[in-house]
Amino acid sequence: MSFCQQCGTEAAAATLFCAGCGANVTAPDVKAQDPNAPRPIRRADLPPTWIHNFALIEQAGGTGLPRIGKLPFGDRLRVLLNVWAFIFGPFYYAVKGMWRKGLTLLAFAIVLIAILDMLFNLSAIGASKLDLIANLVLPLSFAARANIDYYKQIVLRDNGWW
């Protein structure tokens, strides 16, 4: 185990950021023994906003976000919603190097919209409601996943889903 140099909080072996204060934490002895451990991220590798976002994800308990409710509302929003991914969707994913995941999300959203279209046609619900849902489902699927997916790619070195 390692400890945060700033606040003294104990950090797990695979943790890169302190769960207490968000500072970078490295445990060279543990990381040297475990080749699958995430690589340490230096502050020069990422812009400050991503370092802060990754620290918030660590404080929320990692990719599953079990402690997300303990974060202040603004920080929860910052972790759970990426405005650029909302606006640009699959293009944002491609720029961040997650094009496979972006295409997978796009395909999933298109299938979901097609299913909803069939259901709405059967139930005589207006096309305007489908348009509203279609115009929100696709961007929100990208916005809600972008920060976690980028964290997985950079910190955990997991560009999964394909």
C-alpha atoms as a PDB file:
ATOM      1  CA  MET A   1       0.000   0.000   0.000  1.00  0.00           C
ATOM      2  CA  SER A   2       1.048   3.560  -0.589  1.00  0.00           C
ATOM      3  CA  PHE A   3      -0.015   6.763   1.072  1.00  0.00           C
ATOM      4  CA  CYS A   4      -0.838  10.177  -0.308  1.00  0.00           C
ATOM      5  CA  GLN A   5       2.017  12.624   0.209  1.00  0.00           C
ATOM      6  CA  GLN A   6      -0.436  15.500   0.648  1.00  0.00           C
ATOM      7  CA  CYS A   7      -3.126  14.206   3.019  1.00  0.00           C
ATOM      8  CA  GLY A   8      -1.834  10.808   4.199  1.00  0.00           C
ATOM      9  CA  THR A   9      -4.821   8.790   2.986  1.00  0.00           C
ATOM     10  CA  GLU A  10      -4.029   5.152   2.253  1.00  0.00           C
ATOM     11  CA  ALA A  11      -4.216   4.322  -1.468  1.00  0.00           C
ATOM     12  CA  ALA A  12      -4.952   0.958  -3.078  1.00  0.00           C
ATOM     13  CA  ALA A  13      -2.309  -0.692  -5.271  1.00  0.00           C
ATOM     14  CA  ALA A  14      -3.924   0.186  -8.620  1.00  0.00           C
ATOM     15  CA  THR A  15      -4.942   3.713  -7.615  1.00  0.00           C
ATOM     16  CA  LEU A  16      -3.329   6.614  -9.396  1.00  0.00           C
ATOM     17  CA  PHE A  17      -5.138   9.404  -7.533  1.00  0.00           C
ATOM     18  CA  CYS A  18      -5.836   9.928  -3.851  1.00  0.00           C
ATOM     19  CA  ALA A  19      -9.443   9.218  -2.880  1.00  0.00           C
ATOM     20  CA  GLY A  20      -9.175  11.873  -0.174  1.00  0.00           C
ATOM     21  CA  CYS A  21      -7.739  14.888  -1.959  1.00  0.00           C
ATOM     22  CA  GLY A  22      -7.335  13.874  -5.634  1.00  0.00           C
ATOM     23  CA  ALA A  23      -3.545  14.234  -5.756  1.00  0.00           C
ATOM     24  CA  ASN A  24      -1.430  11.889  -7.896  1.00  0.00           C
ATOM     25  CA  VAL A  25      -0.366   8.816  -5.940  1.00  0.00           C
ATOM     26  CA  THR A  26       2.160   6.259  -7.149  1.00  0.00           C
ATOM     27  CA  ALA A  27       3.404   3.090  -5.529  1.00  0.00           C
ATOM     28  CA  PRO A  28       6.581   2.181  -7.424  1.00  0.00           C
ATOM     29  CA  ASP A  29       7.164  -1.032  -5.482  1.00  0.00           C
ATOM     30  CA  VAL A  30       3.689  -2.385  -6.284  1.00  0.00           C
ATOM     31  CA  LYS A  31       3.662  -1.197  -9.881  1.00  0.00           C
ATOM     32  CA  ALA A  32       7.093  -2.684 -10.563  1.00  0.00           C
ATOM     33  CA  GLN A  33       5.858  -6.124  -9.416  1.00  0.00           C
ATOM     34  CA  ASP A  34       2.538  -6.073 -11.267  1.00  0.00           C
ATOM     35  CA  PRO A  35       2.904  -5.683 -15.062  1.00  0.00           C
ATOM     36  CA  ASN A  36      -0.889  -5.317 -15.414  1.00  0.00           C
ATOM     37  CA  ALA A  37      -1.069  -2.360 -13.049  1.00  0.00           C
ATOM     38  CA  PRO A  38      -2.020   0.954 -14.662  1.00  0.00           C
ATOM     39  CA  ARG A  39       0.900   3.081 -15.734  1.00  0.00           C
ATOM     40  CA  PRO A  40       1.571   6.145 -13.602  1.00  0.00           C
ATOM     41  CA  ILE A  41       0.271   9.332 -15.151  1.00  0.00           C
ATOM     42  CA  ARG A  42       2.476  12.344 -14.867  1.00  0.00           C
ATOM     43  CA  ARG A  43       0.898  15.756 -14.733  1.00  0.00           C
ATOM     44  CA  ALA A  44       2.694  16.686 -17.968  1.00  0.00           C
ATOM     45  CA  ASP A  45       0.888  13.867 -19.819  1.00  0.00           C
ATOM     46  CA  LEU A  46      -2.595  15.346 -19.463  1.00  0.00           C
ATOM     47  CA  PRO A  47      -4.243  18.746 -19.332  1.00  0.00           C
ATOM     48  CA  PRO A  48      -5.244  19.862 -15.818  1.00  0.00           C
ATOM     49  CA  THR A  49      -8.943  19.363 -16.540  1.00  0.00           C
ATOM     50  CA  TRP A  50      -8.436  15.675 -17.291  1.00  0.00           C
ATOM     51  CA  ILE A  51      -6.226  15.208 -14.234  1.00  0.00           C
ATOM     52  CA  HIS A  52      -9.021  16.734 -12.179  1.00  0.00           C
ATOM     53  CA  ASN A  53     -11.678  14.573 -13.897  1.00  0.00           C
ATOM     54  CA  PHE A  54      -9.646  11.411 -13.310  1.00  0.00           C
ATOM     55  CA  ALA A  55      -9.135  12.354  -9.660  1.00  0.00           C
ATOM     56  CA  LEU A  56     -12.898  12.790  -9.301  1.00  0.00           C
ATOM     57  CA  ILE A  57     -13.497   9.377 -10.877  1.00  0.00           C
ATOM     58  CA  GLU A  58     -11.028   7.867  -8.392  1.00  0.00           C
ATOM     59  CA  GLN A  59     -12.808   9.641  -5.524  1.00  0.00           C
ATOM     60  CA  ALA A  60     -16.106   8.217  -6.815  1.00  0.00           C
ATOM     61  CA  GLY A  61     -14.668   4.703  -6.580  1.00  0.00           C
ATOM     62  CA  GLY A  62     -13.368   4.044 -10.092  1.00  0.00           C
ATOM     63  CA  THR A  63     -15.303   3.105 -13.201  1.00  0.00           C
ATOM     64  CA  GLY A  64     -18.284   1.652 -11.330  1.00  0.00           C
ATOM     65  CA  LEU A  65     -18.710   4.966  -9.455  1.00  0.00           C
ATOM     66  CA  PRO A  66     -19.976   3.369  -6.217  1.00  0.00           C
ATOM     67  CA  ARG A  67     -19.261   6.540  -4.198  1.00  0.00           C
ATOM     68  CA  ILE A  68     -20.538   9.069  -6.755  1.00  0.00           C
ATOM     69  CA  GLY A  69     -23.216  10.242  -4.323  1.00  0.00           C
ATOM     70  CA  LYS A  70     -20.555  11.493  -1.902  1.00  0.00           C
ATOM     71  CA  LEU A  71     -19.236  14.022  -4.409  1.00  0.00           C
ATOM     72  CA  PRO A  72     -20.686  17.538  -4.541  1.00  0.00           C
ATOM     73  CA  PHE A  73     -23.313  18.073  -7.245  1.00  0.00           C
ATOM     74  CA  GLY A  74     -20.982  19.990  -9.577  1.00  0.00           C
ATOM     75  CA  ASP A  75     -18.343  17.284  -9.384  1.00  0.00           C
ATOM     76  CA  ARG A  76     -20.958  14.586 -10.022  1.00  0.00           C
ATOM     77  CA  LEU A  77     -22.066  16.448 -13.121  1.00  0.00           C
ATOM     78  CA  ARG A  78     -18.462  16.813 -14.240  1.00  0.00           C
ATOM     79  CA  VAL A  79     -17.917  13.049 -13.965  1.00  0.00           C
ATOM     80  CA  LEU A  80     -21.272  11.977 -15.412  1.00  0.00           C
ATOM     81  CA  LEU A  81     -21.665  14.430 -18.297  1.00  0.00           C
ATOM     82  CA  ASN A  82     -19.230  15.491 -20.996  1.00  0.00           C
ATOM     83  CA  VAL A  83     -20.552  18.482 -22.936  1.00  0.00           C
ATOM     84  CA  TRP A  84     -18.153  18.025 -25.871  1.00  0.00           C
ATOM     85  CA  ALA A  85     -19.205  14.403 -26.273  1.00  0.00           C
ATOM     86  CA  PHE A  86     -22.850  15.522 -26.132  1.00  0.00           C
ATOM     87  CA  ILE A  87     -22.262  17.964 -28.990  1.00  0.00           C
ATOM     88  CA  PHE A  88     -19.891  15.965 -31.203  1.00  0.00           C
ATOM     89  CA  GLY A  89     -20.693  12.335 -30.257  1.00  0.00           C
ATOM     90  CA  PRO A  90     -18.775   9.797 -32.351  1.00  0.00           C
ATOM     91  CA  PHE A  91     -16.402  12.470 -33.667  1.00  0.00           C
ATOM     92  CA  TYR A  92     -15.353  13.272 -30.088  1.00  0.00           C
ATOM     93  CA  TYR A  93     -14.675   9.597 -29.459  1.00  0.00           C
ATOM     94  CA  ALA A  94     -12.618   9.371 -32.656  1.00  0.00           C
ATOM     95  CA  VAL A  95     -10.493  12.391 -31.702  1.00  0.00           C
ATOM     96  CA  LYS A  96      -9.821  10.850 -28.270  1.00  0.00           C
ATOM     97  CA  GLY A  97      -8.712   7.594 -29.910  1.00  0.00           C
ATOM     98  CA  MET A  98     -11.808   5.638 -28.887  1.00  0.00           C
ATOM     99  CA  TRP A  99     -13.315   5.243 -32.357  1.00  0.00           C
ATOM    100  CA  ARG A 100     -14.329   1.591 -31.836  1.00  0.00           C
ATOM    101  CA  LYS A 101     -16.259   2.447 -28.724  1.00  0.00           C
ATOM    102  CA  GLY A 102     -17.790   5.446 -30.477  1.00  0.00           C
ATOM    103  CA  LEU A 103     -18.990   3.286 -33.366  1.00  0.00           C
ATOM    104  CA  THR A 104     -20.386   0.732 -30.916  1.00  0.00           C
ATOM    105  CA  LEU A 105     -22.337   3.406 -29.044  1.00  0.00           C
ATOM    106  CA  LEU A 106     -23.580   4.840 -32.326  1.00  0.00           C
ATOM    107  CA  ALA A 107     -24.783   1.419 -33.509  1.00  0.00           C
ATOM    108  CA  PHE A 108     -26.463   0.754 -30.158  1.00  0.00           C
ATOM    109  CA  ALA A 109     -28.262   4.112 -30.242  1.00  0.00           C
ATOM    110  CA  ILE A 110     -29.420   3.584 -33.847  1.00  0.00           C
ATOM    111  CA  VAL A 111     -30.810   0.136 -32.965  1.00  0.00           C
ATOM    112  CA  LEU A 112     -32.555   1.580 -29.907  1.00  0.00           C
ATOM    113  CA  ILE A 113     -34.082   4.382 -31.976  1.00  0.00           C
ATOM    114  CA  ALA A 114     -35.265   1.874 -34.613  1.00  0.00           C
ATOM    115  CA  ILE A 115     -36.930  -0.254 -31.924  1.00  0.00           C
ATOM    116  CA  LEU A 116     -38.582   2.806 -30.412  1.00  0.00           C
ATOM    117  CA  ASP A 117     -39.767   3.833 -33.869  1.00  0.00           C
ATOM    118  CA  MET A 118     -41.438   0.466 -34.369  1.00  0.00           C
ATOM    119  CA  LEU A 119     -43.050   0.629 -30.934  1.00  0.00           C
ATOM    120  CA  PHE A 120     -44.285   4.166 -31.504  1.00  0.00           C
ATOM    121  CA  ASN A 121     -45.744   3.221 -34.892  1.00  0.00           C
ATOM    122  CA  LEU A 122     -47.611   0.322 -33.290  1.00  0.00           C
ATOM    123  CA  SER A 123     -48.917   2.412 -30.419  1.00  0.00           C
ATOM    124  CA  ALA A 124     -49.825   5.517 -32.478  1.00  0.00           C
ATOM    125  CA  ILE A 125     -47.572   7.806 -30.461  1.00  0.00           C
ATOM    126  CA  GLY A 126     -46.671  10.879 -32.474  1.00  0.00           C
ATOM    127  CA  ALA A 127     -43.500  11.178 -34.496  1.00  0.00           C
ATOM    128  CA  SER A 128     -42.585  14.343 -32.615  1.00  0.00           C
ATOM    129  CA  LYS A 129     -42.049  12.328 -29.426  1.00  0.00           C
ATOM    130  CA  LEU A 130     -39.811   9.908 -31.302  1.00  0.00           C
ATOM    131  CA  ASP A 131     -37.827  12.820 -32.713  1.00  0.00           C
ATOM    132  CA  LEU A 132     -37.402  14.239 -29.222  1.00  0.00           C
ATOM    133  CA  ILE A 133     -36.235  10.902 -27.843  1.00  0.00           C
ATOM    134  CA  ALA A 134     -33.936  10.272 -30.834  1.00  0.00           C
ATOM    135  CA  ASN A 135     -32.393  13.701 -30.494  1.00  0.00           C
ATOM    136  CA  LEU A 136     -31.665  13.083 -26.804  1.00  0.00           C
ATOM    137  CA  VAL A 137     -30.792   9.376 -26.650  1.00  0.00           C
ATOM    138  CA  LEU A 138     -27.880   9.541 -29.064  1.00  0.00           C
ATOM    139  CA  PRO A 139     -26.105  12.590 -27.609  1.00  0.00           C
ATOM    140  CA  LEU A 140     -26.761  11.563 -24.009  1.00  0.00           C
ATOM    141  CA  SER A 141     -25.337   8.100 -24.606  1.00  0.00           C
ATOM    142  CA  PHE A 142     -22.064   9.688 -25.693  1.00  0.00           C
ATOM    143  CA  ALA A 143     -22.087  12.382 -23.012  1.00  0.00           C
ATOM    144  CA  ALA A 144     -22.742   9.925 -20.187  1.00  0.00           C
ATOM    145  CA  ARG A 145     -19.996   7.474 -21.191  1.00  0.00           C
ATOM    146  CA  ALA A 146     -17.195   9.718 -22.452  1.00  0.00           C
ATOM    147  CA  ASN A 147     -15.362  10.526 -19.208  1.00  0.00           C
ATOM    148  CA  ILE A 148     -15.462   6.948 -17.917  1.00  0.00           C
ATOM    149  CA  ASP A 149     -14.400   5.548 -21.285  1.00  0.00           C
ATOM    150  CA  TYR A 150     -11.496   7.983 -21.548  1.00  0.00           C
ATOM    151  CA  TYR A 151     -10.470   7.147 -17.969  1.00  0.00           C
ATOM    152  CA  LYS A 152     -10.478   3.455 -18.893  1.00  0.00           C
ATOM    153  CA  GLN A 153      -8.375   4.129 -21.968  1.00  0.00           C
ATOM    154  CA  ILE A 154      -5.767   6.392 -20.354  1.00  0.00           C
ATOM    155  CA  VAL A 155      -5.518   5.148 -16.767  1.00  0.00           C
ATOM    156  CA  LEU A 156      -6.543   1.504 -17.024  1.00  0.00           C
ATOM    157  CA  ARG A 157      -5.282   1.025 -20.590  1.00  0.00           C
ATOM    158  CA  ASP A 158      -8.570  -0.611 -21.525  1.00  0.00           C
ATOM    159  CA  ASN A 159      -9.942   0.403 -24.918  1.00  0.00           C
ATOM    160  CA  GLY A 160     -12.358  -2.532 -24.790  1.00  0.00           C
ATOM    161  CA  TRP A 161     -15.650  -3.331 -26.439  1.00  0.00           C
ATOM    162  CA  TRP A 162     -13.888  -4.785 -29.451  1.00  0.00           C
END
